[in-house]
């Protein structure tokens, strides 16, 4: 066995593990922060999570040109026209209509 290769592989493995744990830690912190904010808003104002996420979805749809609608309809992504040229034209028309009618 080549000792420098093994040492290098261990160092890379440890760095990747450290990076993965820090990403997971940040994800949990963000998730708990979102839960705490939504719970606080619900307790103080009586506004439920559905209303909050509906408003966020509306903001995303207004400000990002339909990204919110795309995320909401993600489950329907398998139901597309089999003709790729026709589907591309449909998507371009939807984008053009969304840009014309803000």
Protein backbone atom coordinates (compact mmCIF):
# COMPACT_ATOMS: atom_id res chain seq x y z
CA UNK A 1 0.00 0.00 0.00
CA UNK A 2 1.15 3.51 -0.76
CA UNK A 3 1.20 5.36 2.59
CA UNK A 4 0.91 8.93 1.21
CA UNK A 5 -2.10 7.89 -0.87
CA UNK A 6 -3.85 6.39 2.17
CA UNK A 7 -3.10 9.47 4.29
CA UNK A 8 -4.39 11.75 1.53
CA UNK A 9 -7.56 9.70 1.16
CA UNK A 10 -8.16 9.86 4.93
CA UNK A 11 -7.68 13.63 4.96
CA UNK A 12 -10.08 14.10 2.04
CA UNK A 13 -12.61 11.77 3.69
CA UNK A 14 -12.43 13.68 6.97
CA UNK A 15 -12.81 17.03 5.20
CA UNK A 16 -15.86 15.76 3.30
CA UNK A 17 -17.37 14.38 6.50
CA UNK A 18 -16.78 17.70 8.29
CA UNK A 19 -18.38 19.59 5.37
CA UNK A 20 -21.38 17.24 5.31
CA UNK A 21 -21.95 17.61 9.05
CA UNK A 22 -21.76 21.40 8.82
CA UNK A 23 -24.31 21.42 5.97
CA UNK A 24 -26.66 19.19 7.96
CA UNK A 25 -26.21 21.37 11.05
CA UNK A 26 -27.01 24.53 9.06
CA UNK A 27 -30.06 22.85 7.51
CA UNK A 28 -31.44 21.88 10.90
CA UNK A 29 -30.81 25.38 12.27
CA UNK A 30 -32.69 26.90 9.36
CA UNK A 31 -35.57 24.45 9.68
CA UNK A 32 -35.91 25.09 13.41
CA UNK A 33 -35.76 28.85 12.83
CA UNK A 34 -38.58 28.64 10.26
CA UNK A 35 -40.66 26.51 12.64
CA UNK A 36 -40.04 28.95 15.51
CA UNK A 37 -41.00 31.98 13.40
CA UNK A 38 -44.18 30.33 12.08
CA UNK A 39 -45.16 29.13 15.56
CA UNK A 40 -44.58 32.61 17.01
CA UNK A 41 -46.66 34.24 14.29
CA UNK A 42 -49.41 31.68 14.82
CA UNK A 43 -49.49 32.20 18.59
CA UNK A 44 -49.32 36.00 18.47
CA UNK A 45 -51.62 36.70 15.53
CA UNK A 46 -53.61 33.53 14.90
CA UNK A 47 -52.37 33.27 11.31
CA UNK A 48 -51.84 29.62 10.38
CA UNK A 49 -48.97 28.04 8.46
CA UNK A 50 -51.13 27.53 5.36
CA UNK A 51 -51.80 31.27 5.13
CA UNK A 52 -48.12 32.09 5.61
CA UNK A 53 -46.98 29.64 2.91
CA UNK A 54 -49.75 30.82 0.59
CA UNK A 55 -48.49 34.39 0.95
CA UNK A 56 -44.87 33.32 0.40
CA UNK A 57 -45.97 31.39 -2.70
CA UNK A 58 -47.81 34.45 -3.96
CA UNK A 59 -44.71 36.62 -3.45
CA UNK A 60 -42.55 34.06 -5.22
CA UNK A 61 -45.00 33.87 -8.10
CA UNK A 62 -45.13 37.66 -8.41
CA UNK A 63 -41.45 38.38 -8.08
CA UNK A 64 -39.81 35.44 -9.82
CA UNK A 65 -41.91 35.10 -12.95
CA UNK A 66 -43.85 31.96 -12.07
CA UNK A 67 -41.26 30.05 -10.05
CA UNK A 68 -43.82 29.62 -7.27
CA UNK A 69 -46.36 28.16 -9.70
CA UNK A 70 -43.70 25.86 -11.09
CA UNK A 71 -42.86 24.64 -7.59
CA UNK A 72 -46.54 24.11 -6.78
CA UNK A 73 -47.12 22.14 -9.99
CA UNK A 74 -43.92 20.12 -9.74
CA UNK A 75 -45.89 16.92 -9.27
CA UNK A 76 -47.41 17.35 -12.73
CA UNK A 77 -44.03 17.45 -14.47
CA UNK A 78 -44.52 14.00 -15.97
CA UNK A 79 -47.63 15.15 -17.85
CA UNK A 80 -46.05 16.92 -20.79
CA UNK A 81 -46.69 16.85 -24.49
CA UNK A 82 -44.68 14.03 -26.11
CA UNK A 83 -43.74 16.32 -29.01
CA UNK A 84 -40.75 18.29 -27.72
CA UNK A 85 -41.07 21.12 -30.26
CA UNK A 86 -44.71 21.62 -29.39
CA UNK A 87 -43.95 21.53 -25.66
CA UNK A 88 -41.13 24.07 -26.09
CA UNK A 89 -43.51 26.40 -27.92
CA UNK A 90 -46.10 26.00 -25.15
CA UNK A 91 -43.48 26.85 -22.50
CA UNK A 92 -42.27 29.89 -24.46
CA UNK A 93 -45.85 31.13 -24.85
CA UNK A 94 -46.49 30.69 -21.12
CA UNK A 95 -43.34 32.67 -20.30
CA UNK A 96 -44.28 35.40 -22.80
CA UNK A 97 -47.80 35.66 -21.36
CA UNK A 98 -46.40 35.81 -17.82
CA UNK A 99 -44.03 38.61 -18.84
CA UNK A 100 -46.77 40.58 -20.62
CA UNK A 101 -49.34 40.23 -17.81
CA UNK A 102 -47.57 40.94 -14.51
